[in-house]
mmCIF file of all heavy atoms, coordinates in Angstrom:
data_MODEL
# 
_entry.id   MODEL 
# 
loop_
_atom_site.group_PDB 
_atom_site.id 
_atom_site.type_symbol 
_atom_site.label_atom_id 
_atom_site.label_alt_id 
_atom_site.label_comp_id 
_atom_site.label_asym_id 
_atom_site.label_entity_id 
_atom_site.label_seq_id 
_atom_site.pdbx_PDB_ins_code 
_atom_site.Cartn_x 
_atom_site.Cartn_y 
_atom_site.Cartn_z 
_atom_site.occupancy 
_atom_site.B_iso_or_equiv 
_atom_site.pdbx_formal_charge 
_atom_site.auth_seq_id 
_atom_site.auth_comp_id 
_atom_site.auth_asym_id 
_atom_site.auth_atom_id 
_atom_site.pdbx_PDB_model_num 
ATOM 1   N N   . GLU A 1 1  ? -5.202  -5.995 -13.941 1.00 0.00 ? 1  GLU A N   1 
ATOM 2   C CA  . GLU A 1 1  ? -6.556  -5.827 -13.437 1.00 0.00 ? 1  GLU A CA  1 
ATOM 3   C C   . GLU A 1 1  ? -6.563  -4.924 -12.204 1.00 0.00 ? 1  GLU A C   1 
ATOM 4   O O   . GLU A 1 1  ? -5.510  -4.583 -11.654 1.00 0.00 ? 1  GLU A O   1 
ATOM 5   C CB  . GLU A 1 1  ? -7.156  -7.194 -13.091 1.00 0.00 ? 1  GLU A CB  1 
ATOM 6   C CG  . GLU A 1 1  ? -7.249  -8.154 -14.262 1.00 0.00 ? 1  GLU A CG  1 
ATOM 7   C CD  . GLU A 1 1  ? -8.174  -7.646 -15.339 1.00 0.00 ? 1  GLU A CD  1 
ATOM 8   O OE1 . GLU A 1 1  ? -9.210  -7.041 -14.995 1.00 0.00 ? 1  GLU A OE1 1 
ATOM 9   O OE2 . GLU A 1 1  ? -7.857  -7.834 -16.535 1.00 0.00 ? 1  GLU A OE2 1 
ATOM 10  N N   . ALA A 1 2  ? -7.774  -4.578 -11.748 1.00 0.00 ? 2  ALA A N   1 
ATOM 11  C CA  . ALA A 1 2  ? -7.911  -3.683 -10.601 1.00 0.00 ? 2  ALA A CA  1 
ATOM 12  C C   . ALA A 1 2  ? -7.206  -4.216 -9.366  1.00 0.00 ? 2  ALA A C   1 
ATOM 13  O O   . ALA A 1 2  ? -6.713  -3.441 -8.534  1.00 0.00 ? 2  ALA A O   1 
ATOM 14  C CB  . ALA A 1 2  ? -9.397  -3.454 -10.304 1.00 0.00 ? 2  ALA A CB  1 
ATOM 15  N N   . GLY A 1 3  ? -7.121  -5.533 -9.248  1.00 0.00 ? 3  GLY A N   1 
ATOM 16  C CA  . GLY A 1 3  ? -6.466  -6.139 -8.098  1.00 0.00 ? 3  GLY A CA  1 
ATOM 17  C C   . GLY A 1 3  ? -4.984  -5.824 -7.989  1.00 0.00 ? 3  GLY A C   1 
ATOM 18  O O   . GLY A 1 3  ? -4.372  -6.065 -6.934  1.00 0.00 ? 3  GLY A O   1 
ATOM 19  N N   . GLU A 1 4  ? -4.383  -5.291 -9.041  1.00 0.00 ? 4  GLU A N   1 
ATOM 20  C CA  . GLU A 1 4  ? -2.975  -4.892 -8.976  1.00 0.00 ? 4  GLU A CA  1 
ATOM 21  C C   . GLU A 1 4  ? -2.772  -3.689 -8.057  1.00 0.00 ? 4  GLU A C   1 
ATOM 22  O O   . GLU A 1 4  ? -1.662  -3.446 -7.572  1.00 0.00 ? 4  GLU A O   1 
ATOM 23  C CB  . GLU A 1 4  ? -2.440  -4.551 -10.377 1.00 0.00 ? 4  GLU A CB  1 
ATOM 24  C CG  . GLU A 1 4  ? -2.344  -5.721 -11.318 1.00 0.00 ? 4  GLU A CG  1 
ATOM 25  C CD  . GLU A 1 4  ? -1.273  -6.708 -10.897 1.00 0.00 ? 4  GLU A CD  1 
ATOM 26  O OE1 . GLU A 1 4  ? -0.344  -6.326 -10.151 1.00 0.00 ? 4  GLU A OE1 1 
ATOM 27  O OE2 . GLU A 1 4  ? -1.361  -7.884 -11.316 1.00 0.00 ? 4  GLU A OE2 1 
ATOM 28  N N   . LEU A 1 5  ? -3.815  -2.925 -7.803  1.00 0.00 ? 5  LEU A N   1 
ATOM 29  C CA  . LEU A 1 5  ? -3.712  -1.759 -6.921  1.00 0.00 ? 5  LEU A CA  1 
ATOM 30  C C   . LEU A 1 5  ? -3.544  -2.210 -5.477  1.00 0.00 ? 5  LEU A C   1 
ATOM 31  O O   . LEU A 1 5  ? -4.337  -3.006 -4.966  1.00 0.00 ? 5  LEU A O   1 
ATOM 32  C CB  . LEU A 1 5  ? -4.961  -0.886 -7.046  1.00 0.00 ? 5  LEU A CB  1 
ATOM 33  C CG  . LEU A 1 5  ? -5.114  -0.102 -8.350  1.00 0.00 ? 5  LEU A CG  1 
ATOM 34  C CD1 . LEU A 1 5  ? -6.567  0.316  -8.544  1.00 0.00 ? 5  LEU A CD1 1 
ATOM 35  C CD2 . LEU A 1 5  ? -4.201  1.120  -8.360  1.00 0.00 ? 5  LEU A CD2 1 
ATOM 36  N N   . HIS A 1 6  ? -2.524  -1.700 -4.800  1.00 0.00 ? 6  HIS A N   1 
ATOM 37  C CA  . HIS A 1 6  ? -2.309  -2.047 -3.394  1.00 0.00 ? 6  HIS A CA  1 
ATOM 38  C C   . HIS A 1 6  ? -1.567  -0.921 -2.697  1.00 0.00 ? 6  HIS A C   1 
ATOM 39  O O   . HIS A 1 6  ? -0.873  -0.108 -3.329  1.00 0.00 ? 6  HIS A O   1 
ATOM 40  C CB  . HIS A 1 6  ? -1.519  -3.353 -3.275  1.00 0.00 ? 6  HIS A CB  1 
ATOM 41  C CG  . HIS A 1 6  ? -0.131  -3.264 -3.839  1.00 0.00 ? 6  HIS A CG  1 
ATOM 42  N ND1 . HIS A 1 6  ? 0.150   -3.371 -5.184  1.00 0.00 ? 6  HIS A ND1 1 
ATOM 43  C CD2 . HIS A 1 6  ? 1.078   -3.068 -3.231  1.00 0.00 ? 6  HIS A CD2 1 
ATOM 44  C CE1 . HIS A 1 6  ? 1.447   -3.253 -5.388  1.00 0.00 ? 6  HIS A CE1 1 
ATOM 45  N NE2 . HIS A 1 6  ? 2.036   -3.069 -4.215  1.00 0.00 ? 6  HIS A NE2 1 
ATOM 46  N N   . LEU A 1 7  ? -1.702  -0.864 -1.378  1.00 0.00 ? 7  LEU A N   1 
ATOM 47  C CA  . LEU A 1 7  ? -1.012  0.151  -0.592  1.00 0.00 ? 7  LEU A CA  1 
ATOM 48  C C   . LEU A 1 7  ? 0.464   -0.200 -0.452  1.00 0.00 ? 7  LEU A C   1 
ATOM 49  O O   . LEU A 1 7  ? 0.831   -1.362 -0.313  1.00 0.00 ? 7  LEU A O   1 
ATOM 50  C CB  . LEU A 1 7  ? -1.643  0.272  0.795   1.00 0.00 ? 7  LEU A CB  1 
ATOM 51  C CG  . LEU A 1 7  ? -3.020  0.939  0.876   1.00 0.00 ? 7  LEU A CG  1 
ATOM 52  C CD1 . LEU A 1 7  ? -3.526  0.912  2.312   1.00 0.00 ? 7  LEU A CD1 1 
ATOM 53  C CD2 . LEU A 1 7  ? -2.972  2.365  0.356   1.00 0.00 ? 7  LEU A CD2 1 
ATOM 54  N N   . ALA A 1 8  ? 1.302   0.840  -0.484  1.00 0.00 ? 8  ALA A N   1 
ATOM 55  C CA  . ALA A 1 8  ? 2.736   0.647  -0.312  1.00 0.00 ? 8  ALA A CA  1 
ATOM 56  C C   . ALA A 1 8  ? 3.343   1.915  0.259   1.00 0.00 ? 8  ALA A C   1 
ATOM 57  O O   . ALA A 1 8  ? 2.710   2.978  0.274   1.00 0.00 ? 8  ALA A O   1 
ATOM 58  C CB  . ALA A 1 8  ? 3.394   0.305  -1.646  1.00 0.00 ? 8  ALA A CB  1 
ATOM 59  N N   . GLU A 1 9  ? 4.556   1.808  0.749   1.00 0.00 ? 9  GLU A N   1 
ATOM 60  C CA  . GLU A 1 9  ? 5.291   2.972  1.223   1.00 0.00 ? 9  GLU A CA  1 
ATOM 61  C C   . GLU A 1 9  ? 6.312   3.342  0.146   1.00 0.00 ? 9  GLU A C   1 
ATOM 62  O O   . GLU A 1 9  ? 7.118   2.514  -0.265  1.00 0.00 ? 9  GLU A O   1 
ATOM 63  C CB  . GLU A 1 9  ? 5.992   2.660  2.545   1.00 0.00 ? 9  GLU A CB  1 
ATOM 64  C CG  . GLU A 1 9  ? 6.514   3.896  3.250   1.00 0.00 ? 9  GLU A CG  1 
ATOM 65  C CD  . GLU A 1 9  ? 6.890   3.622  4.695   1.00 0.00 ? 9  GLU A CD  1 
ATOM 66  O OE1 . GLU A 1 9  ? 6.080   3.000  5.412   1.00 0.00 ? 9  GLU A OE1 1 
ATOM 67  O OE2 . GLU A 1 9  ? 7.995   4.022  5.101   1.00 0.00 ? 9  GLU A OE2 1 
ATOM 68  N N   . VAL A 1 10 ? 6.236   4.594  -0.313  1.00 0.00 ? 10 VAL A N   1 
ATOM 69  C CA  . VAL A 1 10 ? 7.099   5.044  -1.407  1.00 0.00 ? 10 VAL A CA  1 
ATOM 70  C C   . VAL A 1 10 ? 7.771   6.353  -1.002  1.00 0.00 ? 10 VAL A C   1 
ATOM 71  O O   . VAL A 1 10 ? 7.340   7.017  -0.046  1.00 0.00 ? 10 VAL A O   1 
ATOM 72  C CB  . VAL A 1 10 ? 6.284   5.247  -2.703  1.00 0.00 ? 10 VAL A CB  1 
ATOM 73  C CG1 . VAL A 1 10 ? 5.623   3.948  -3.135  1.00 0.00 ? 10 VAL A CG1 1 
ATOM 74  C CG2 . VAL A 1 10 ? 5.239   6.342  -2.528  1.00 0.00 ? 10 VAL A CG2 1 
ATOM 75  N N   . PRO A 1 11 ? 8.815   6.780  -1.702  1.00 0.00 ? 11 PRO A N   1 
ATOM 76  C CA  . PRO A 1 11 ? 9.459   8.052  -1.365  1.00 0.00 ? 11 PRO A CA  1 
ATOM 77  C C   . PRO A 1 11 ? 8.503   9.223  -1.502  1.00 0.00 ? 11 PRO A C   1 
ATOM 78  O O   . PRO A 1 11 ? 7.702   9.283  -2.443  1.00 0.00 ? 11 PRO A O   1 
ATOM 79  C CB  . PRO A 1 11 ? 10.596  8.149  -2.392  1.00 0.00 ? 11 PRO A CB  1 
ATOM 80  C CG  . PRO A 1 11 ? 10.879  6.735  -2.777  1.00 0.00 ? 11 PRO A CG  1 
ATOM 81  C CD  . PRO A 1 11 ? 9.544   6.048  -2.756  1.00 0.00 ? 11 PRO A CD  1 
ATOM 82  N N   . ALA A 1 12 ? 8.566   10.156 -0.562  1.00 0.00 ? 12 ALA A N   1 
ATOM 83  C CA  . ALA A 1 12 ? 7.763   11.377 -0.659  1.00 0.00 ? 12 ALA A CA  1 
ATOM 84  C C   . ALA A 1 12 ? 8.328   12.256 -1.761  1.00 0.00 ? 12 ALA A C   1 
ATOM 85  O O   . ALA A 1 12 ? 9.526   12.199 -2.059  1.00 0.00 ? 12 ALA A O   1 
ATOM 86  C CB  . ALA A 1 12 ? 7.776   12.120 0.672   1.00 0.00 ? 12 ALA A CB  1 
ATOM 87  N N   . PRO A 1 13 ? 7.486   13.068 -2.422  1.00 0.00 ? 13 PRO A N   1 
ATOM 88  C CA  . PRO A 1 13 ? 7.964   13.882 -3.543  1.00 0.00 ? 13 PRO A CA  1 
ATOM 89  C C   . PRO A 1 13 ? 8.826   15.057 -3.096  1.00 0.00 ? 13 PRO A C   1 
ATOM 90  O O   . PRO A 1 13 ? 8.754   15.512 -1.949  1.00 0.00 ? 13 PRO A O   1 
ATOM 91  C CB  . PRO A 1 13 ? 6.668   14.378 -4.182  1.00 0.00 ? 13 PRO A CB  1 
ATOM 92  C CG  . PRO A 1 13 ? 5.701   14.440 -3.046  1.00 0.00 ? 13 PRO A CG  1 
ATOM 93  C CD  . PRO A 1 13 ? 6.035   13.257 -2.184  1.00 0.00 ? 13 PRO A CD  1 
ATOM 94  N N   . ILE A 1 14 ? 9.643   15.542 -4.014  1.00 0.00 ? 14 ILE A N   1 
ATOM 95  C CA  . ILE A 1 14 ? 10.451  16.740 -3.811  1.00 0.00 ? 14 ILE A CA  1 
ATOM 96  C C   . ILE A 1 14 ? 10.040  17.759 -4.866  1.00 0.00 ? 14 ILE A C   1 
ATOM 97  O O   . ILE A 1 14 ? 10.000  17.449 -6.055  1.00 0.00 ? 14 ILE A O   1 
ATOM 98  C CB  . ILE A 1 14 ? 11.952  16.427 -3.942  1.00 0.00 ? 14 ILE A CB  1 
ATOM 99  C CG1 . ILE A 1 14 ? 12.371  15.426 -2.864  1.00 0.00 ? 14 ILE A CG1 1 
ATOM 100 C CG2 . ILE A 1 14 ? 12.787  17.702 -3.853  1.00 0.00 ? 14 ILE A CG2 1 
ATOM 101 C CD1 . ILE A 1 14 ? 13.796  14.934 -3.015  1.00 0.00 ? 14 ILE A CD1 1 
ATOM 102 N N   . ALA A 1 15 ? 9.707   18.975 -4.433  1.00 0.00 ? 15 ALA A N   1 
ATOM 103 C CA  . ALA A 1 15 ? 9.268   20.014 -5.366  1.00 0.00 ? 15 ALA A CA  1 
ATOM 104 C C   . ALA A 1 15 ? 10.448  20.586 -6.132  1.00 0.00 ? 15 ALA A C   1 
ATOM 105 O O   . ALA A 1 15 ? 11.547  20.748 -5.593  1.00 0.00 ? 15 ALA A O   1 
ATOM 106 C CB  . ALA A 1 15 ? 8.558   21.128 -4.610  1.00 0.00 ? 15 ALA A CB  1 
ATOM 107 N N   . VAL A 1 16 ? 10.225  20.885 -7.419  1.00 0.00 ? 16 VAL A N   1 
ATOM 108 C CA  . VAL A 1 16 ? 11.230  21.567 -8.236  1.00 0.00 ? 16 VAL A CA  1 
ATOM 109 C C   . VAL A 1 16 ? 10.567  22.753 -8.934  1.00 0.00 ? 16 VAL A C   1 
ATOM 110 O O   . VAL A 1 16 ? 9.371   22.747 -9.232  1.00 0.00 ? 16 VAL A O   1 
ATOM 111 C CB  . VAL A 1 16 ? 11.858  20.622 -9.288  1.00 0.00 ? 16 VAL A CB  1 
ATOM 112 C CG1 . VAL A 1 16 ? 12.588  19.482 -8.613  1.00 0.00 ? 16 VAL A CG1 1 
ATOM 113 C CG2 . VAL A 1 16 ? 10.792  20.073 -10.230 1.00 0.00 ? 16 VAL A CG2 1 
ATOM 114 N N   . LEU A 1 17 ? 11.352  23.807 -9.161  1.00 0.00 ? 17 LEU A N   1 
ATOM 115 C CA  . LEU A 1 17 ? 10.909  24.987 -9.895  1.00 0.00 ? 17 LEU A CA  1 
ATOM 116 C C   . LEU A 1 17 ? 9.599   25.537 -9.333  1.00 0.00 ? 17 LEU A C   1 
ATOM 117 O O   . LEU A 1 17 ? 9.535   25.928 -8.181  1.00 0.00 ? 17 LEU A O   1 
ATOM 118 C CB  . LEU A 1 17 ? 10.817  24.670 -11.388 1.00 0.00 ? 17 LEU A CB  1 
ATOM 119 C CG  . LEU A 1 17 ? 12.137  24.214 -12.036 1.00 0.00 ? 17 LEU A CG  1 
ATOM 120 C CD1 . LEU A 1 17 ? 11.921  23.805 -13.483 1.00 0.00 ? 17 LEU A CD1 1 
ATOM 121 C CD2 . LEU A 1 17 ? 13.179  25.313 -11.935 1.00 0.00 ? 17 LEU A CD2 1 
ATOM 122 N N   . ASP A 1 18 ? 8.519   25.550 -10.144 1.00 0.00 ? 18 ASP A N   1 
ATOM 123 C CA  . ASP A 1 18 ? 7.275   26.196 -9.722  1.00 0.00 ? 18 ASP A CA  1 
ATOM 124 C C   . ASP A 1 18 ? 6.341   25.265 -8.962  1.00 0.00 ? 18 ASP A C   1 
ATOM 125 O O   . ASP A 1 18 ? 5.195   25.628 -8.686  1.00 0.00 ? 18 ASP A O   1 
ATOM 126 C CB  . ASP A 1 18 ? 6.534   26.748 -10.943 1.00 0.00 ? 18 ASP A CB  1 
ATOM 127 C CG  . ASP A 1 18 ? 5.885   25.650 -11.789 1.00 0.00 ? 18 ASP A CG  1 
ATOM 128 O OD1 . ASP A 1 18 ? 6.445   24.525 -11.840 1.00 0.00 ? 18 ASP A OD1 1 
ATOM 129 O OD2 . ASP A 1 18 ? 4.827   25.910 -12.385 1.00 0.00 ? 18 ASP A OD2 1 
ATOM 130 N N   . GLU A 1 19 ? 6.796   24.081 -8.609  1.00 0.00 ? 19 GLU A N   1 
ATOM 131 C CA  . GLU A 1 19 ? 5.889   23.105 -8.012  1.00 0.00 ? 19 GLU A CA  1 
ATOM 132 C C   . GLU A 1 19 ? 5.560   23.396 -6.555  1.00 0.00 ? 19 GLU A C   1 
ATOM 133 O O   . GLU A 1 19 ? 6.410   23.872 -5.791  1.00 0.00 ? 19 GLU A O   1 
ATOM 134 C CB  . GLU A 1 19 ? 6.476   21.702 -8.110  1.00 0.00 ? 19 GLU A CB  1 
ATOM 135 C CG  . GLU A 1 19 ? 6.482   21.151 -9.517  1.00 0.00 ? 19 GLU A CG  1 
ATOM 136 C CD  . GLU A 1 19 ? 7.097   19.777 -9.593  1.00 0.00 ? 19 GLU A CD  1 
ATOM 137 O OE1 . GLU A 1 19 ? 7.814   19.376 -8.656  1.00 0.00 ? 19 GLU A OE1 1 
ATOM 138 O OE2 . GLU A 1 19 ? 6.862   19.092 -10.601 1.00 0.00 ? 19 GLU A OE2 1 
ATOM 139 N N   . LEU A 1 20 ? 4.299   23.094 -6.188  1.00 0.00 ? 20 LEU A N   1 
ATOM 140 C CA  . LEU A 1 20 ? 3.868   23.064 -4.806  1.00 0.00 ? 20 LEU A CA  1 
ATOM 141 C C   . LEU A 1 20 ? 3.845   21.605 -4.366  1.00 0.00 ? 20 LEU A C   1 
ATOM 142 O O   . LEU A 1 20 ? 3.730   20.698 -5.184  1.00 0.00 ? 20 LEU A O   1 
ATOM 143 C CB  . LEU A 1 20 ? 2.466   23.645 -4.635  1.00 0.00 ? 20 LEU A CB  1 
ATOM 144 C CG  . LEU A 1 20 ? 2.186   25.078 -5.055  1.00 0.00 ? 20 LEU A CG  1 
ATOM 145 C CD1 . LEU A 1 20 ? 1.848   25.161 -6.530  1.00 0.00 ? 20 LEU A CD1 1 
ATOM 146 C CD2 . LEU A 1 20 ? 1.012   25.633 -4.226  1.00 0.00 ? 20 LEU A CD2 1 
ATOM 147 N N   . ILE A 1 21 ? 3.918   21.389 -3.062  1.00 0.00 ? 21 ILE A N   1 
ATOM 148 C CA  . ILE A 1 21 ? 3.618   20.076 -2.507  1.00 0.00 ? 21 ILE A CA  1 
ATOM 149 C C   . ILE A 1 21 ? 2.282   20.195 -1.794  1.00 0.00 ? 21 ILE A C   1 
ATOM 150 O O   . ILE A 1 21 ? 2.076   21.095 -0.973  1.00 0.00 ? 21 ILE A O   1 
ATOM 151 C CB  . ILE A 1 21 ? 4.685   19.588 -1.513  1.00 0.00 ? 21 ILE A CB  1 
ATOM 152 C CG1 . ILE A 1 21 ? 6.046   19.483 -2.205  1.00 0.00 ? 21 ILE A CG1 1 
ATOM 153 C CG2 . ILE A 1 21 ? 4.289   18.234 -0.922  1.00 0.00 ? 21 ILE A CG2 1 
ATOM 154 C CD1 . ILE A 1 21 ? 6.131   18.418 -3.278  1.00 0.00 ? 21 ILE A CD1 1 
ATOM 155 N N   . VAL A 1 22 ? 1.366   19.310 -2.140  1.00 0.00 ? 22 VAL A N   1 
ATOM 156 C CA  . VAL A 1 22 ? 0.022   19.321 -1.565  1.00 0.00 ? 22 VAL A CA  1 
ATOM 157 C C   . VAL A 1 22 ? -0.186  18.056 -0.742  1.00 0.00 ? 22 VAL A C   1 
ATOM 158 O O   . VAL A 1 22 ? 0.164   16.951 -1.186  1.00 0.00 ? 22 VAL A O   1 
ATOM 159 C CB  . VAL A 1 22 ? -1.050  19.404 -2.679  1.00 0.00 ? 22 VAL A CB  1 
ATOM 160 C CG1 . VAL A 1 22 ? -2.451  19.250 -2.096  1.00 0.00 ? 22 VAL A CG1 1 
ATOM 161 C CG2 . VAL A 1 22 ? -0.928  20.718 -3.445  1.00 0.00 ? 22 VAL A CG2 1 
ATOM 162 N N   . ARG A 1 23 ? -0.719  18.217 0.445   1.00 0.00 ? 23 ARG A N   1 
ATOM 163 C CA  . ARG A 1 23 ? -1.154  17.071 1.249   1.00 0.00 ? 23 ARG A CA  1 
ATOM 164 C C   . ARG A 1 23 ? -2.527  16.692 0.735   1.00 0.00 ? 23 ARG A C   1 
ATOM 165 O O   . ARG A 1 23 ? -3.491  17.462 0.861   1.00 0.00 ? 23 ARG A O   1 
ATOM 166 C CB  . ARG A 1 23 ? -1.218  17.465 2.735   1.00 0.00 ? 23 ARG A CB  1 
ATOM 167 C CG  . ARG A 1 23 ? -1.761  16.348 3.651   1.00 0.00 ? 23 ARG A CG  1 
ATOM 168 C CD  . ARG A 1 23 ? -0.766  15.187 3.748   1.00 0.00 ? 23 ARG A CD  1 
ATOM 169 N NE  . ARG A 1 23 ? -1.002  14.373 4.920   1.00 0.00 ? 23 ARG A NE  1 
ATOM 170 C CZ  . ARG A 1 23 ? -1.671  13.216 4.913   1.00 0.00 ? 23 ARG A CZ  1 
ATOM 171 N NH1 . ARG A 1 23 ? -2.195  12.769 3.794   1.00 0.00 ? 23 ARG A NH1 1 
ATOM 172 N NH2 . ARG A 1 23 ? -1.806  12.518 6.027   1.00 0.00 ? 23 ARG A NH2 1 
ATOM 173 N N   . VAL A 1 24 ? -2.628  15.542 0.097   1.00 0.00 ? 24 VAL A N   1 
ATOM 174 C CA  . VAL A 1 24 ? -3.864  15.132 -0.558  1.00 0.00 ? 24 VAL A CA  1 
ATOM 175 C C   . VAL A 1 24 ? -4.879  14.648 0.476   1.00 0.00 ? 24 VAL A C   1 
ATOM 176 O O   . VAL A 1 24 ? -4.564  13.793 1.316   1.00 0.00 ? 24 VAL A O   1 
ATOM 177 C CB  . VAL A 1 24 ? -3.593  14.026 -1.596  1.00 0.00 ? 24 VAL A CB  1 
ATOM 178 C CG1 . VAL A 1 24 ? -4.900  13.590 -2.260  1.00 0.00 ? 24 VAL A CG1 1 
ATOM 179 C CG2 . VAL A 1 24 ? -2.595  14.500 -2.638  1.00 0.00 ? 24 VAL A CG2 1 
ATOM 180 N N   . ILE A 1 25 ? -6.076  15.199 0.416   1.00 0.00 ? 25 ILE A N   1 
ATOM 181 C CA  . ILE A 1 25 ? -7.162  14.740 1.284   1.00 0.00 ? 25 ILE A CA  1 
ATOM 182 C C   . ILE A 1 25 ? -8.098  13.808 0.519   1.00 0.00 ? 25 ILE A C   1 
ATOM 183 O O   . ILE A 1 25 ? -8.585  12.812 1.052   1.00 0.00 ? 25 ILE A O   1 
ATOM 184 C CB  . ILE A 1 25 ? -7.928  15.931 1.869   1.00 0.00 ? 25 ILE A CB  1 
ATOM 185 C CG1 . ILE A 1 25 ? -7.003  16.716 2.808   1.00 0.00 ? 25 ILE A CG1 1 
ATOM 186 C CG2 . ILE A 1 25 ? -9.176  15.469 2.636   1.00 0.00 ? 25 ILE A CG2 1 
ATOM 187 C CD1 . ILE A 1 25 ? -7.616  17.962 3.370   1.00 0.00 ? 25 ILE A CD1 1 
ATOM 188 N N   . ALA A 1 26 ? -8.345  14.129 -0.750  1.00 0.00 ? 26 ALA A N   1 
ATOM 189 C CA  . ALA A 1 26 ? -9.215  13.288 -1.577  1.00 0.00 ? 26 ALA A CA  1 
ATOM 190 C C   . ALA A 1 26 ? -8.693  13.283 -3.007  1.00 0.00 ? 26 ALA A C   1 
ATOM 191 O O   . ALA A 1 26 ? -8.125  14.275 -3.475  1.00 0.00 ? 26 ALA A O   1 
ATOM 192 C CB  . ALA A 1 26 ? -10.651 13.785 -1.532  1.00 0.00 ? 26 ALA A CB  1 
ATOM 193 N N   . ALA A 1 27 ? -8.899  12.159 -3.693  1.00 0.00 ? 27 ALA A N   1 
ATOM 194 C CA  . ALA A 1 27 ? -8.449  12.007 -5.077  1.00 0.00 ? 27 ALA A CA  1 
ATOM 195 C C   . ALA A 1 27 ? -9.594  11.456 -5.918  1.00 0.00 ? 27 ALA A C   1 
ATOM 196 O O   . ALA A 1 27 ? -10.217 10.462 -5.551  1.00 0.00 ? 27 ALA A O   1 
ATOM 197 C CB  . ALA A 1 27 ? -7.251  11.061 -5.141  1.00 0.00 ? 27 ALA A CB  1 
ATOM 198 N N   . GLY A 1 28 ? -9.871  12.122 -7.018  1.00 0.00 ? 28 GLY A N   1 
ATOM 199 C CA  . GLY A 1 28 ? -10.907 11.628 -7.917  1.00 0.00 ? 28 GLY A CA  1 
ATOM 200 C C   . GLY A 1 28 ? -10.384 10.499 -8.783  1.00 0.00 ? 28 GLY A C   1 
ATOM 201 O O   . GLY A 1 28 ? -9.186  10.398 -9.053  1.00 0.00 ? 28 GLY A O   1 
# 
């Protein structure tokens, strides 16, 4: 259920090949 969503601290991503890293301001 929706209640499963919670804040946590996770590893930051590492870019590979053509990837950019974006600092997310908003998420749809």
